[in-house]
Amino acid sequence: MANDKSTHGVSPESVSAINQLVPMDVTNQLCGNDNPKTLSVLILDASMSMIRFGDAPRQCVANHLAAIKKSPDGREQFCAVITFNKHATLVVPLARADAISDSFRYQNDYGTLLWKTVHEALKSFCLYFRLHSPKNTKIFVGVISDGIDNQSNKGGQPGNPVYPEKTKKWSKRALELGFELFAYGIGVDGKKLAEDLGFPTDDQHAFTLEASVRDLTRSTRHFSETTTGGFDPDFWEK
């Protein structure tokens, strides 16, 4: 390790974060062969406002995990699920679909650490691809939120916010690497959500939905169907 930098100039701190996010056995599965693979990262709001949807958010995650275990297109499926309130929580560590446990914890709390959570996730996965270059692997990231960030710049310098500009930087790099980035606004403007994150704002990637159990469920189902190759172009008309 030269000049306190690890392989390809990635800092030791970033390598440590990546290794926590992507266990070595999963890296071996992702990089050990050239089989077509999909890696989906679902980032879901768990702020206190989401409590109005009752058990629906937890059920949405369960439905997504079930969907990726029966991918119509035959690709190997890998998945991670991250929630955020005043903290970010890796509730489903990255694993191959057939190894993912059906047991996970979705818990509401105060605060909305949206921009920093997405920033850290994108940064880690971008650097992971830089370090390991997994072949024939598609990455899909879906962000579902019903509120406005009120935590990422907390404690920072007034009038000089760090976020969401840092998030946009890594979104740009993710798009350059071929990541597909989706934003789902639940009762909020999905295009504004996407714009703040640096995600594409077109009608295929940014969605404004009602603050209802039905539309929350539709958002995760859309992400599941898109990432598993079972996407129906008329999805939103149904």
Protein backbone atom coordinates (compact mmCIF):
# COMPACT_ATOMS: atom_id res chain seq x y z
CA MET A 1 0.00 0.00 0.00
CA ALA A 2 1.72 3.15 -1.20
CA ASN A 3 1.11 6.66 0.14
CA ASP A 4 -1.60 5.35 2.47
CA LYS A 5 -3.68 4.42 -0.56
CA SER A 6 -4.99 0.99 -1.48
CA THR A 7 -5.44 -0.57 -4.89
CA HIS A 8 -6.29 1.89 -7.68
CA GLY A 9 -5.94 4.84 -5.30
CA VAL A 10 -9.02 3.99 -3.21
CA SER A 11 -8.52 5.04 0.42
CA PRO A 12 -8.24 2.38 3.15
CA GLU A 13 -11.35 3.86 4.79
CA SER A 14 -13.35 3.37 1.61
CA VAL A 15 -12.04 -0.17 1.17
CA SER A 16 -13.15 -0.95 4.73
CA ALA A 17 -16.63 0.45 4.03
CA ILE A 18 -16.87 -1.54 0.81
CA ASN A 19 -15.85 -4.76 2.54
CA GLN A 20 -18.60 -4.23 5.12
CA LEU A 21 -21.15 -3.62 2.39
CA VAL A 22 -20.00 -6.45 0.11
CA PRO A 23 -18.71 -9.53 1.97
CA MET A 24 -15.82 -11.41 0.37
CA ASP A 25 -17.92 -14.47 -0.39
CA VAL A 26 -20.34 -12.27 -2.35
CA THR A 27 -17.41 -10.71 -4.23
CA ASN A 28 -16.27 -14.20 -5.18
CA GLN A 29 -19.76 -14.96 -6.51
CA LEU A 30 -19.99 -11.67 -8.42
CA CYS A 31 -16.51 -11.79 -9.90
CA GLY A 32 -15.82 -15.52 -10.07
CA ASN A 33 -17.58 -16.10 -13.40
CA ASP A 34 -18.94 -14.29 -16.44
CA ASN A 35 -22.57 -15.30 -15.97
CA PRO A 36 -25.05 -12.43 -16.45
CA LYS A 37 -25.94 -10.90 -13.08
CA THR A 38 -28.11 -8.14 -11.67
CA LEU A 39 -27.41 -6.24 -8.46
CA SER A 40 -30.36 -4.26 -7.09
CA VAL A 41 -30.07 -1.75 -4.26
CA LEU A 42 -33.37 -0.64 -2.73
CA ILE A 43 -33.07 2.51 -0.57
CA LEU A 44 -36.28 3.05 1.38
CA ASP A 45 -37.47 5.89 3.60
CA ALA A 46 -38.08 4.81 7.20
CA SER A 47 -38.76 8.26 8.65
CA MET A 48 -41.60 8.76 11.08
CA SER A 49 -43.94 10.03 8.33
CA MET A 50 -43.82 6.56 6.74
CA ILE A 51 -45.58 5.14 9.79
CA ARG A 52 -48.89 6.20 8.20
CA PHE A 53 -48.49 3.27 5.79
CA GLY A 54 -48.56 0.73 8.59
CA ASP A 55 -46.93 -2.60 7.70
CA ALA A 56 -46.85 -1.81 3.97
CA PRO A 57 -43.15 -0.73 3.78
CA ARG A 58 -41.98 -3.94 5.45
CA GLN A 59 -44.25 -5.97 3.18
CA CYS A 60 -42.92 -4.11 0.13
CA VAL A 61 -39.38 -5.17 1.02
CA ALA A 62 -40.54 -8.74 1.54
CA ASN A 63 -42.26 -8.70 -1.85
CA HIS A 64 -39.10 -7.37 -3.52
CA LEU A 65 -36.96 -10.09 -1.96
CA ALA A 66 -39.45 -12.71 -3.13
CA ALA A 67 -39.49 -11.26 -6.66
CA ILE A 68 -35.73 -11.35 -7.15
CA LYS A 69 -35.67 -15.03 -6.18
CA LYS A 70 -37.68 -15.88 -9.31
CA SER A 71 -36.18 -13.64 -11.97
CA PRO A 72 -37.92 -14.15 -15.35
CA ASP A 73 -34.78 -13.35 -17.37
CA GLY A 74 -32.62 -16.01 -15.71
CA ARG A 75 -29.87 -13.65 -14.55
CA GLU A 76 -28.20 -14.29 -11.20
CA GLN A 77 -29.80 -11.83 -8.78
CA PHE A 78 -28.00 -10.01 -5.97
CA CYS A 79 -29.72 -7.56 -3.65
CA ALA A 80 -29.22 -5.15 -0.76
CA VAL A 81 -31.80 -3.06 1.08
CA ILE A 82 -30.95 0.15 2.95
CA THR A 83 -33.37 2.22 5.02
CA PHE A 84 -32.91 5.74 6.32
CA ASN A 85 -34.36 8.03 8.98
CA LYS A 86 -31.91 9.95 11.19
CA HIS A 87 -29.52 7.05 10.49
CA ALA A 88 -28.89 4.81 7.51
CA THR A 89 -29.32 1.08 8.15
CA LEU A 90 -28.29 -1.85 5.99
CA VAL A 91 -31.33 -4.01 6.75
CA VAL A 92 -30.58 -6.63 4.09
CA PRO A 93 -26.83 -7.08 3.52
CA LEU A 94 -25.81 -7.69 -0.07
CA ALA A 95 -26.19 -11.33 -1.00
CA ARG A 96 -27.26 -13.57 -3.83
CA ALA A 97 -31.02 -13.90 -3.98
CA ASP A 98 -31.14 -17.56 -3.00
CA ALA A 99 -29.09 -16.80 0.12
CA ILE A 100 -31.09 -13.80 1.36
CA SER A 101 -32.90 -14.32 4.62
CA ASP A 102 -36.59 -13.48 4.79
CA SER A 103 -35.98 -12.02 8.25
CA PHE A 104 -35.21 -8.30 8.40
CA ARG A 105 -36.14 -5.29 10.49
CA TYR A 106 -37.92 -2.21 9.21
CA GLN A 107 -38.20 0.41 11.95
CA ASN A 108 -39.45 3.99 11.77
CA ASP A 109 -37.66 6.84 13.51
CA TYR A 110 -37.38 10.61 13.29
CA GLY A 111 -35.29 12.40 10.69
CA THR A 112 -34.67 12.01 6.96
CA LEU A 113 -31.02 11.31 6.10
CA LEU A 114 -31.77 10.98 2.39
CA TRP A 115 -28.92 12.63 0.50
CA LYS A 116 -26.07 11.30 2.65
CA THR A 117 -27.48 7.76 2.61
CA VAL A 118 -27.69 7.73 -1.19
CA HIS A 119 -24.26 9.37 -1.43
CA GLU A 120 -22.58 6.72 0.71
CA ALA A 121 -24.30 3.85 -1.11
CA LEU A 122 -23.41 5.14 -4.58
CA LYS A 123 -19.85 5.97 -3.57
CA SER A 124 -19.30 2.49 -2.13
CA PHE A 125 -20.69 0.68 -5.16
CA CYS A 126 -18.86 2.91 -7.65
CA LEU A 127 -15.57 2.30 -5.86
CA TYR A 128 -16.41 -1.40 -5.63
CA PHE A 129 -16.74 -1.56 -9.41
CA ARG A 130 -13.48 0.33 -9.74
CA LEU A 131 -11.70 -2.15 -7.49
CA HIS A 132 -13.22 -5.42 -8.71
CA SER A 133 -14.76 -4.77 -12.16
CA PRO A 134 -17.41 -7.52 -11.95
CA LYS A 135 -18.19 -8.65 -15.48
CA ASN A 136 -21.60 -8.80 -17.12
CA THR A 137 -23.26 -7.17 -14.09
CA LYS A 138 -26.09 -4.63 -14.19
CA ILE A 139 -26.72 -2.38 -11.18
CA PHE A 140 -30.12 -0.87 -10.39
CA VAL A 141 -30.62 1.62 -7.55
CA GLY A 142 -34.13 2.61 -6.46
CA VAL A 143 -34.79 5.40 -3.95
CA ILE A 144 -38.26 5.67 -2.41
CA SER A 145 -39.06 8.64 -0.18
CA ASP A 146 -42.05 10.60 1.07
CA GLY A 147 -40.20 13.58 2.52
CA ILE A 148 -37.45 16.17 2.36
CA ASP A 149 -33.93 15.68 3.70
CA ASN A 150 -33.46 17.36 7.09
CA GLN A 151 -30.39 15.51 8.41
CA SER A 152 -27.57 15.37 5.82
CA ASN A 153 -26.34 18.93 6.47
CA LYS A 154 -27.11 18.89 10.18
CA GLY A 155 -24.18 20.29 12.14
CA GLY A 156 -22.57 21.74 9.01
CA GLN A 157 -21.69 25.33 8.23
CA PRO A 158 -24.79 27.55 7.85
CA GLY A 159 -25.22 28.80 4.31
CA ASN A 160 -22.66 26.34 2.97
CA PRO A 161 -24.43 22.98 2.64
CA VAL A 162 -22.40 19.95 1.59
CA TYR A 163 -25.40 18.02 0.27
CA PRO A 164 -26.93 17.30 -2.15
CA GLU A 165 -23.94 18.35 -4.29
CA LYS A 166 -21.81 15.46 -2.99
CA THR A 167 -24.60 13.05 -3.84
CA LYS A 168 -24.87 14.40 -7.38
CA LYS A 169 -21.16 13.84 -7.91
CA TRP A 170 -21.45 10.13 -7.24
CA SER A 171 -24.71 9.85 -9.17
CA LYS A 172 -22.83 11.18 -12.20
CA ARG A 173 -20.11 8.58 -11.75
CA ALA A 174 -22.68 5.84 -11.27
CA LEU A 175 -24.43 6.80 -14.50
CA GLU A 176 -21.08 6.79 -16.31
CA LEU A 177 -20.58 3.23 -15.07
CA GLY A 178 -23.96 2.24 -16.49
CA PHE A 179 -25.99 2.15 -13.27
CA GLU A 180 -29.76 2.57 -13.64
CA LEU A 181 -31.03 5.09 -11.07
CA PHE A 182 -34.72 5.40 -10.16
CA ALA A 183 -36.49 7.90 -7.89
CA TYR A 184 -39.99 7.35 -6.52
CA GLY A 185 -41.65 10.28 -4.76
CA ILE A 186 -44.43 9.10 -2.46
CA GLY A 187 -46.64 12.16 -2.08
CA VAL A 188 -43.73 14.38 -3.14
CA ASP A 189 -42.45 15.49 -6.54
CA GLY A 190 -40.49 12.56 -7.95
CA LYS A 191 -38.70 14.67 -10.54
CA LYS A 192 -37.53 17.10 -7.85
CA LEU A 193 -36.40 14.13 -5.77
CA ALA A 194 -34.45 12.82 -8.76
CA GLU A 195 -33.01 16.26 -9.55
CA ASP A 196 -31.75 16.71 -5.97
CA LEU A 197 -30.08 13.29 -6.11
CA GLY A 198 -28.56 13.80 -9.54
CA PHE A 199 -30.71 10.98 -10.94
CA PRO A 200 -32.31 11.05 -14.41
CA THR A 201 -35.55 13.07 -14.37
CA ASP A 202 -37.20 11.50 -17.42
CA ASP A 203 -40.51 9.66 -17.19
CA GLN A 204 -38.81 6.26 -17.20
CA HIS A 205 -36.71 6.95 -14.10
CA ALA A 206 -38.51 9.55 -11.94
CA PHE A 207 -42.05 9.01 -10.66
CA THR A 208 -44.48 11.11 -8.64
CA LEU A 209 -46.93 8.89 -6.77
CA GLU A 210 -49.73 9.37 -4.27
CA ALA A 211 -49.09 9.04 -0.55
CA SER A 212 -51.01 5.78 -0.36
CA VAL A 213 -50.35 2.14 0.41
CA ARG A 214 -51.36 1.32 -3.16
CA ASP A 215 -48.75 3.61 -4.74
CA LEU A 216 -46.04 2.71 -2.24
CA THR A 217 -46.62 -0.92 -3.19
CA ARG A 218 -46.61 -0.04 -6.89
CA SER A 219 -43.27 1.74 -6.55
CA THR A 220 -41.46 -1.28 -5.13
CA ARG A 221 -43.20 -3.62 -7.57
CA HIS A 222 -42.09 -1.42 -10.47
CA PHE A 223 -38.51 -1.57 -9.20
CA SER A 224 -38.73 -5.35 -8.74
CA GLU A 225 -40.11 -5.96 -12.22
CA THR A 226 -37.57 -3.63 -13.82
CA THR A 227 -34.60 -5.24 -12.09
CA THR A 228 -35.68 -8.81 -12.78
CA GLY A 229 -36.36 -8.38 -16.47
CA GLY A 230 -40.10 -8.79 -16.09
CA PHE A 231 -40.92 -5.15 -16.81
CA ASP A 232 -44.26 -4.45 -18.48
CA PRO A 233 -44.14 -1.20 -20.52
CA ASP A 234 -47.79 -0.56 -19.62
CA PHE A 235 -47.12 -0.98 -15.88
CA TRP A 236 -48.30 2.46 -14.77
CA GLU A 237 -51.47 2.28 -16.84
CA LYS A 238 -52.72 -0.75 -14.93
